[in-house]
Amino acid sequence: MTIDDKKEMEDFLRGLLTPAELEEIPQRLQIVVRLLKGETQRQVAANLGVGLATVTRGARELKNGRFKILRRLLGGRGNLKWRRFFGFED
């Protein structure tokens, strides 16, 4: 199954996640992006004002092979092509 329609994806996520969890998605993405760019877990936590445990969770998922799409979209130079993919402006 794939969801190709933006409104369908939004409906799916709103049904699956709480409003607070939806609000956390951009910050969680930023955690992973910063880790992929080489920031330490402590730097990410301090720069984003989040707990170290939250950052550690993202780091553990990276270590487990998650976020392949972010690795591809981020590219080798750390550019932010991923922002366009998720509907953010560059």
N, C-alpha and C. Protein backbone atom coordinates (compact mmCIF):
# COMPACT_ATOMS: atom_id res chain seq x y z
N MET A 1 0.84 -1.18 0.00
CA MET A 1 0.00 0.00 0.00
C MET A 1 0.88 1.24 0.00
N THR A 2 0.52 2.20 -0.80
CA THR A 2 1.21 3.49 -0.80
C THR A 2 0.18 4.59 -0.69
N ILE A 3 0.60 5.70 -0.12
CA ILE A 3 -0.25 6.89 -0.04
C ILE A 3 0.43 7.95 -0.88
N ASP A 4 -0.18 8.29 -1.99
CA ASP A 4 0.41 9.25 -2.91
C ASP A 4 -0.20 10.64 -2.80
N ASP A 5 -1.35 10.74 -2.18
CA ASP A 5 -2.07 12.00 -2.08
C ASP A 5 -1.76 12.68 -0.74
N LYS A 6 -1.42 13.95 -0.79
CA LYS A 6 -1.05 14.69 0.41
C LYS A 6 -2.20 14.72 1.42
N LYS A 7 -3.41 14.94 0.96
CA LYS A 7 -4.56 15.00 1.87
C LYS A 7 -4.84 13.64 2.49
N GLU A 8 -4.65 12.59 1.73
CA GLU A 8 -4.84 11.24 2.25
C GLU A 8 -3.80 10.94 3.33
N MET A 9 -2.56 11.37 3.11
CA MET A 9 -1.50 11.18 4.11
C MET A 9 -1.82 11.98 5.37
N GLU A 10 -2.27 13.20 5.19
CA GLU A 10 -2.61 14.02 6.35
C GLU A 10 -3.74 13.37 7.16
N ASP A 11 -4.76 12.87 6.48
CA ASP A 11 -5.87 12.19 7.14
C ASP A 11 -5.36 10.97 7.90
N PHE A 12 -4.48 10.19 7.27
CA PHE A 12 -3.91 9.01 7.89
C PHE A 12 -3.15 9.37 9.17
N LEU A 13 -2.27 10.37 9.07
CA LEU A 13 -1.46 10.77 10.22
C LEU A 13 -2.30 11.36 11.34
N ARG A 14 -3.31 12.14 10.99
CA ARG A 14 -4.19 12.71 12.02
C ARG A 14 -4.98 11.63 12.75
N GLY A 15 -5.29 10.55 12.07
CA GLY A 15 -5.97 9.44 12.72
C GLY A 15 -5.05 8.59 13.57
N LEU A 16 -3.78 8.56 13.21
CA LEU A 16 -2.80 7.72 13.88
C LEU A 16 -2.15 8.40 15.08
N LEU A 17 -1.89 9.69 14.96
CA LEU A 17 -1.11 10.41 15.96
C LEU A 17 -1.96 11.43 16.71
N THR A 18 -1.55 11.74 17.92
CA THR A 18 -2.20 12.79 18.68
C THR A 18 -1.76 14.14 18.13
N PRO A 19 -2.49 15.21 18.44
CA PRO A 19 -2.05 16.54 17.98
C PRO A 19 -0.63 16.87 18.46
N ALA A 20 -0.30 16.48 19.68
CA ALA A 20 1.05 16.75 20.20
C ALA A 20 2.10 15.98 19.40
N GLU A 21 1.81 14.74 19.05
CA GLU A 21 2.75 13.94 18.26
C GLU A 21 2.93 14.53 16.87
N LEU A 22 1.86 15.03 16.29
CA LEU A 22 1.95 15.69 14.97
C LEU A 22 2.86 16.91 15.04
N GLU A 23 2.74 17.66 16.13
CA GLU A 23 3.57 18.85 16.31
C GLU A 23 5.05 18.51 16.44
N GLU A 24 5.35 17.31 16.92
CA GLU A 24 6.74 16.90 17.14
C GLU A 24 7.45 16.43 15.87
N ILE A 25 6.71 16.12 14.82
CA ILE A 25 7.32 15.54 13.62
C ILE A 25 8.43 16.42 13.04
N PRO A 26 8.20 17.72 12.82
CA PRO A 26 9.30 18.52 12.24
C PRO A 26 10.55 18.54 13.12
N GLN A 27 10.36 18.58 14.44
CA GLN A 27 11.51 18.59 15.34
C GLN A 27 12.24 17.25 15.30
N ARG A 28 11.49 16.16 15.25
CA ARG A 28 12.12 14.84 15.17
C ARG A 28 12.91 14.69 13.87
N LEU A 29 12.36 15.22 12.78
CA LEU A 29 13.09 15.19 11.51
C LEU A 29 14.37 16.00 11.61
N GLN A 30 14.28 17.14 12.26
CA GLN A 30 15.47 17.98 12.42
C GLN A 30 16.54 17.27 13.25
N ILE A 31 16.13 16.51 14.25
CA ILE A 31 17.08 15.74 15.05
C ILE A 31 17.86 14.78 14.16
N VAL A 32 17.14 14.03 13.34
CA VAL A 32 17.79 13.04 12.48
C VAL A 32 18.69 13.72 11.46
N VAL A 33 18.21 14.81 10.88
CA VAL A 33 19.02 15.53 9.89
C VAL A 33 20.31 16.02 10.51
N ARG A 34 20.22 16.59 11.69
CA ARG A 34 21.43 17.10 12.36
C ARG A 34 22.40 15.97 12.69
N LEU A 35 21.87 14.84 13.12
CA LEU A 35 22.73 13.69 13.39
C LEU A 35 23.42 13.22 12.10
N LEU A 36 22.67 13.19 11.01
CA LEU A 36 23.25 12.78 9.73
C LEU A 36 24.33 13.77 9.27
N LYS A 37 24.19 15.02 9.65
CA LYS A 37 25.19 16.03 9.28
C LYS A 37 26.42 15.96 10.16
N GLY A 38 26.38 15.13 11.21
CA GLY A 38 27.57 14.95 12.03
C GLY A 38 27.56 15.62 13.38
N GLU A 39 26.46 16.28 13.76
CA GLU A 39 26.40 16.86 15.10
C GLU A 39 26.35 15.75 16.14
N THR A 40 26.93 16.00 17.27
CA THR A 40 26.86 15.02 18.35
C THR A 40 25.46 15.05 18.97
N GLN A 41 25.14 13.99 19.68
CA GLN A 41 23.83 13.94 20.34
C GLN A 41 23.66 15.10 21.31
N ARG A 42 24.69 15.41 22.05
CA ARG A 42 24.60 16.51 23.01
C ARG A 42 24.42 17.86 22.31
N GLN A 43 25.11 18.06 21.19
CA GLN A 43 24.95 19.30 20.43
C GLN A 43 23.51 19.43 19.93
N VAL A 44 22.97 18.35 19.37
CA VAL A 44 21.61 18.37 18.86
C VAL A 44 20.63 18.71 19.98
N ALA A 45 20.77 18.04 21.12
CA ALA A 45 19.87 18.29 22.25
C ALA A 45 19.93 19.75 22.68
N ALA A 46 21.14 20.28 22.80
CA ALA A 46 21.31 21.67 23.23
C ALA A 46 20.77 22.65 22.19
N ASN A 47 21.10 22.42 20.92
CA ASN A 47 20.68 23.34 19.86
C ASN A 47 19.18 23.36 19.64
N LEU A 48 18.52 22.24 19.85
CA LEU A 48 17.07 22.17 19.62
C LEU A 48 16.27 22.28 20.90
N GLY A 49 16.93 22.26 22.04
CA GLY A 49 16.23 22.37 23.31
C GLY A 49 15.37 21.15 23.63
N VAL A 50 15.88 19.98 23.29
CA VAL A 50 15.17 18.73 23.57
C VAL A 50 16.02 17.88 24.51
N GLY A 51 15.38 16.88 25.08
CA GLY A 51 16.10 16.00 25.97
C GLY A 51 17.06 15.08 25.23
N LEU A 52 18.12 14.73 25.91
CA LEU A 52 19.11 13.82 25.33
C LEU A 52 18.48 12.47 24.98
N ALA A 53 17.51 12.02 25.77
CA ALA A 53 16.85 10.74 25.49
C ALA A 53 16.12 10.77 24.15
N THR A 54 15.53 11.91 23.81
CA THR A 54 14.84 12.04 22.52
C THR A 54 15.83 11.92 21.38
N VAL A 55 16.97 12.57 21.52
CA VAL A 55 18.01 12.52 20.49
C VAL A 55 18.59 11.10 20.41
N THR A 56 18.79 10.48 21.56
CA THR A 56 19.34 9.13 21.58
C THR A 56 18.42 8.16 20.86
N ARG A 57 17.13 8.35 20.99
CA ARG A 57 16.18 7.49 20.28
C ARG A 57 16.38 7.62 18.78
N GLY A 58 16.51 8.85 18.29
CA GLY A 58 16.76 9.06 16.87
C GLY A 58 18.07 8.44 16.43
N ALA A 59 19.10 8.59 17.25
CA ALA A 59 20.41 8.03 16.92
C ALA A 59 20.35 6.50 16.87
N ARG A 60 19.61 5.92 17.80
CA ARG A 60 19.48 4.45 17.83
C ARG A 60 18.77 3.96 16.56
N GLU A 61 17.74 4.67 16.14
CA GLU A 61 17.02 4.28 14.92
C GLU A 61 17.91 4.43 13.69
N LEU A 62 18.73 5.46 13.66
CA LEU A 62 19.71 5.60 12.56
C LEU A 62 20.66 4.41 12.55
N LYS A 63 21.15 4.04 13.72
CA LYS A 63 22.07 2.92 13.84
C LYS A 63 21.41 1.61 13.38
N ASN A 64 20.10 1.50 13.59
CA ASN A 64 19.35 0.32 13.19
C ASN A 64 18.95 0.33 11.72
N GLY A 65 19.42 1.34 10.97
CA GLY A 65 19.17 1.37 9.53
C GLY A 65 17.92 2.11 9.10
N ARG A 66 17.28 2.81 10.01
CA ARG A 66 16.09 3.57 9.64
C ARG A 66 16.49 4.85 8.91
N PHE A 67 15.49 5.53 8.37
CA PHE A 67 15.63 6.84 7.74
C PHE A 67 16.45 6.80 6.46
N LYS A 68 16.36 5.69 5.73
CA LYS A 68 17.10 5.59 4.46
C LYS A 68 16.71 6.71 3.50
N ILE A 69 15.43 7.06 3.49
CA ILE A 69 14.99 8.11 2.58
C ILE A 69 15.62 9.45 2.94
N LEU A 70 15.79 9.73 4.23
CA LEU A 70 16.45 10.97 4.62
C LEU A 70 17.91 10.96 4.22
N ARG A 71 18.54 9.83 4.34
CA ARG A 71 19.95 9.73 3.91
C ARG A 71 20.06 10.05 2.42
N ARG A 72 19.13 9.50 1.62
CA ARG A 72 19.16 9.76 0.17
C ARG A 72 18.84 11.22 -0.13
N LEU A 73 17.79 11.76 0.50
CA LEU A 73 17.37 13.12 0.21
C LEU A 73 18.38 14.15 0.70
N LEU A 74 19.06 13.83 1.78
CA LEU A 74 20.05 14.76 2.32
C LEU A 74 21.27 14.81 1.43
N GLY A 75 21.60 13.70 0.80
CA GLY A 75 22.73 13.67 -0.11
C GLY A 75 24.06 13.68 0.62
N GLY A 76 25.12 13.68 -0.13
CA GLY A 76 26.45 13.59 0.44
C GLY A 76 26.98 14.88 1.02
N ARG A 77 26.43 16.01 0.62
CA ARG A 77 27.00 17.28 1.07
C ARG A 77 26.21 17.93 2.19
N GLY A 78 25.16 17.28 2.67
CA GLY A 78 24.38 17.84 3.76
C GLY A 78 23.41 18.92 3.32
N ASN A 79 23.05 18.91 2.03
CA ASN A 79 22.09 19.92 1.59
C ASN A 79 20.69 19.55 2.08
N LEU A 80 19.75 20.42 1.89
CA LEU A 80 18.43 20.23 2.46
C LEU A 80 17.37 19.92 1.42
N LYS A 81 17.68 19.02 0.48
CA LYS A 81 16.68 18.61 -0.50
C LYS A 81 15.46 18.02 0.18
N TRP A 82 15.64 17.45 1.35
CA TRP A 82 14.54 16.81 2.07
C TRP A 82 13.43 17.80 2.39
N ARG A 83 13.75 19.08 2.57
CA ARG A 83 12.73 20.08 2.93
C ARG A 83 11.67 20.17 1.84
N ARG A 84 12.08 20.12 0.60
CA ARG A 84 11.14 20.16 -0.51
C ARG A 84 10.25 18.92 -0.49
N PHE A 85 10.84 17.79 -0.20
CA PHE A 85 10.11 16.54 -0.17
C PHE A 85 8.98 16.58 0.86
N PHE A 86 9.25 17.18 2.02
CA PHE A 86 8.26 17.23 3.08
C PHE A 86 7.37 18.48 3.01
N GLY A 87 7.52 19.27 1.95
CA GLY A 87 6.64 20.41 1.76
C GLY A 87 7.11 21.69 2.41
N PHE A 88 8.35 21.74 2.88
CA PHE A 88 8.90 22.96 3.43
C PHE A 88 9.58 23.72 2.31
N GLU A 89 9.65 25.03 2.45
CA GLU A 89 10.36 25.82 1.43
C GLU A 89 11.84 25.80 1.71
N ASP A 90 12.64 25.86 0.65
CA ASP A 90 14.11 25.95 0.81
C ASP A 90 14.50 27.37 1.15
